[in-house]
Amino acid sequence: MEQVLASSLSGYSVMTTTGAELGVVNNVTADLQTGELEYFRIDLNGNNTSGFRETDDGHVLVPAGAVSEKSDYLLVEPATD
């Protein structure tokens, strides 16, 4: 994925590469030592069918490494656990 400002991703729609709409980016977490993105915190549109970990408050944490493309959506590879 090309370099983008993390702040520009808030509110961005998220879809899996299999075509399932997950929701929108609520927040982004980063490693303070390295500056590397860690997780995208997603507000769900409905049920969590992605296989990613869900937080107690109903958000989904998508690892930054799962993001494959930024176009009209952030495209993420579904979890394989």
C-alpha atoms as a PDB file:
ATOM      1  CA  MET A   1       0.000   0.000   0.000  1.00  0.00           C
ATOM      2  CA  GLU A   2       1.295   3.483  -0.797  1.00  0.00           C
ATOM      3  CA  GLN A   3       2.165   5.862   2.024  1.00  0.00           C
ATOM      4  CA  VAL A   4      -0.820   7.750   3.438  1.00  0.00           C
ATOM      5  CA  LEU A   5      -1.430   9.810   6.551  1.00  0.00           C
ATOM      6  CA  ALA A   6      -3.117   7.685   9.218  1.00  0.00           C
ATOM      7  CA  SER A   7      -5.444  10.584  10.020  1.00  0.00           C
ATOM      8  CA  SER A   8      -6.806  10.476   6.459  1.00  0.00           C
ATOM      9  CA  LEU A   9      -8.038   6.901   6.979  1.00  0.00           C
ATOM     10  CA  SER A  10     -10.594   7.681   9.690  1.00  0.00           C
ATOM     11  CA  GLY A  11     -14.071   7.094   8.281  1.00  0.00           C
ATOM     12  CA  TYR A  12     -12.716   5.111   5.318  1.00  0.00           C
ATOM     13  CA  SER A  13     -14.840   2.109   4.284  1.00  0.00           C
ATOM     14  CA  VAL A  14     -13.322  -1.360   4.752  1.00  0.00           C
ATOM     15  CA  MET A  15     -14.059  -4.445   2.646  1.00  0.00           C
ATOM     16  CA  THR A  16     -12.487  -7.901   2.551  1.00  0.00           C
ATOM     17  CA  THR A  17     -10.952  -9.172  -0.666  1.00  0.00           C
ATOM     18  CA  THR A  18     -13.859 -11.652  -0.777  1.00  0.00           C
ATOM     19  CA  GLY A  19     -16.323  -8.750  -1.067  1.00  0.00           C
ATOM     20  CA  ALA A  20     -17.690  -8.588   2.502  1.00  0.00           C
ATOM     21  CA  GLU A  21     -18.178  -5.023   3.758  1.00  0.00           C
ATOM     22  CA  LEU A  22     -16.863  -4.765   7.330  1.00  0.00           C
ATOM     23  CA  GLY A  23     -17.527  -1.144   8.245  1.00  0.00           C
ATOM     24  CA  VAL A  24     -15.471   2.035   8.540  1.00  0.00           C
ATOM     25  CA  VAL A  25     -12.139   2.904  10.135  1.00  0.00           C
ATOM     26  CA  ASN A  26     -12.714   4.331  13.603  1.00  0.00           C
ATOM     27  CA  ASN A  27      -9.074   4.654  14.635  1.00  0.00           C
ATOM     28  CA  VAL A  28      -5.554   3.473  13.840  1.00  0.00           C
ATOM     29  CA  THR A  29      -2.963   2.208  16.329  1.00  0.00           C
ATOM     30  CA  ALA A  30       0.793   2.445  15.845  1.00  0.00           C
ATOM     31  CA  ASP A  31       3.954   1.330  17.610  1.00  0.00           C
ATOM     32  CA  LEU A  32       5.296   4.457  19.319  1.00  0.00           C
ATOM     33  CA  GLN A  33       8.903   3.263  19.033  1.00  0.00           C
ATOM     34  CA  THR A  34       8.914   2.530  15.298  1.00  0.00           C
ATOM     35  CA  GLY A  35       5.920   4.483  14.003  1.00  0.00           C
ATOM     36  CA  GLU A  36       4.688   1.342  12.230  1.00  0.00           C
ATOM     37  CA  LEU A  37       0.925   0.907  11.974  1.00  0.00           C
ATOM     38  CA  GLU A  38      -0.358  -1.996  14.058  1.00  0.00           C
ATOM     39  CA  TYR A  39      -4.154  -2.170  13.805  1.00  0.00           C
ATOM     40  CA  PHE A  40      -7.117  -0.541  12.137  1.00  0.00           C
ATOM     41  CA  ARG A  41     -10.032  -0.289  14.571  1.00  0.00           C
ATOM     42  CA  ILE A  42     -13.240  -0.805  12.592  1.00  0.00           C
ATOM     43  CA  ASP A  43     -16.826   0.225  13.395  1.00  0.00           C
ATOM     44  CA  LEU A  44     -18.819  -2.761  12.132  1.00  0.00           C
ATOM     45  CA  ASN A  45     -21.683  -2.408   9.650  1.00  0.00           C
ATOM     46  CA  GLY A  46     -23.241  -5.626  10.952  1.00  0.00           C
ATOM     47  CA  ASN A  47     -21.949  -8.996  12.087  1.00  0.00           C
ATOM     48  CA  ASN A  48     -18.230  -9.715  12.205  1.00  0.00           C
ATOM     49  CA  THR A  49     -17.737 -12.233   9.403  1.00  0.00           C
ATOM     50  CA  SER A  50     -14.071 -11.347   8.873  1.00  0.00           C
ATOM     51  CA  GLY A  51     -12.507 -13.689  11.417  1.00  0.00           C
ATOM     52  CA  PHE A  52     -10.626 -10.785  13.031  1.00  0.00           C
ATOM     53  CA  ARG A  53     -10.620 -10.230  16.780  1.00  0.00           C
ATOM     54  CA  GLU A  54     -13.567  -8.263  18.123  1.00  0.00           C
ATOM     55  CA  THR A  55     -13.120  -5.911  21.090  1.00  0.00           C
ATOM     56  CA  ASP A  56     -15.426  -5.822  24.124  1.00  0.00           C
ATOM     57  CA  ASP A  57     -17.034  -2.652  22.783  1.00  0.00           C
ATOM     58  CA  GLY A  58     -17.893  -4.237  19.416  1.00  0.00           C
ATOM     59  CA  HIS A  59     -15.087  -2.975  17.189  1.00  0.00           C
ATOM     60  CA  VAL A  60     -12.922  -5.227  15.031  1.00  0.00           C
ATOM     61  CA  LEU A  61      -9.124  -4.977  15.078  1.00  0.00           C
ATOM     62  CA  VAL A  62      -7.668  -5.552  11.615  1.00  0.00           C
ATOM     63  CA  PRO A  63      -3.874  -5.995  11.590  1.00  0.00           C
ATOM     64  CA  ALA A  64      -2.198  -3.417   9.364  1.00  0.00           C
ATOM     65  CA  GLY A  65      -0.447  -6.244   7.511  1.00  0.00           C
ATOM     66  CA  ALA A  66      -3.832  -7.556   6.344  1.00  0.00           C
ATOM     67  CA  VAL A  67      -4.501  -4.404   4.304  1.00  0.00           C
ATOM     68  CA  SER A  68      -3.721  -5.150   0.680  1.00  0.00           C
ATOM     69  CA  GLU A  69      -4.936  -2.046  -1.143  1.00  0.00           C
ATOM     70  CA  LYS A  70      -6.418   1.428  -0.708  1.00  0.00           C
ATOM     71  CA  SER A  71      -8.857   2.415  -3.429  1.00  0.00           C
ATOM     72  CA  ASP A  72     -12.543   3.197  -2.968  1.00  0.00           C
ATOM     73  CA  TYR A  73     -12.223   0.933   0.092  1.00  0.00           C
ATOM     74  CA  LEU A  74      -9.424  -0.329   2.271  1.00  0.00           C
ATOM     75  CA  LEU A  75      -9.203  -3.918   1.064  1.00  0.00           C
ATOM     76  CA  VAL A  76      -8.179  -6.479   3.672  1.00  0.00           C
ATOM     77  CA  GLU A  77      -7.344 -10.158   3.439  1.00  0.00           C
ATOM     78  CA  PRO A  78      -9.745 -12.099   5.719  1.00  0.00           C
ATOM     79  CA  ALA A  79      -8.250 -13.714   8.834  1.00  0.00           C
ATOM     80  CA  THR A  80      -7.194 -17.313   8.271  1.00  0.00           C
ATOM     81  CA  ASP A  81      -7.186 -18.633  11.857  1.00  0.00           C
END
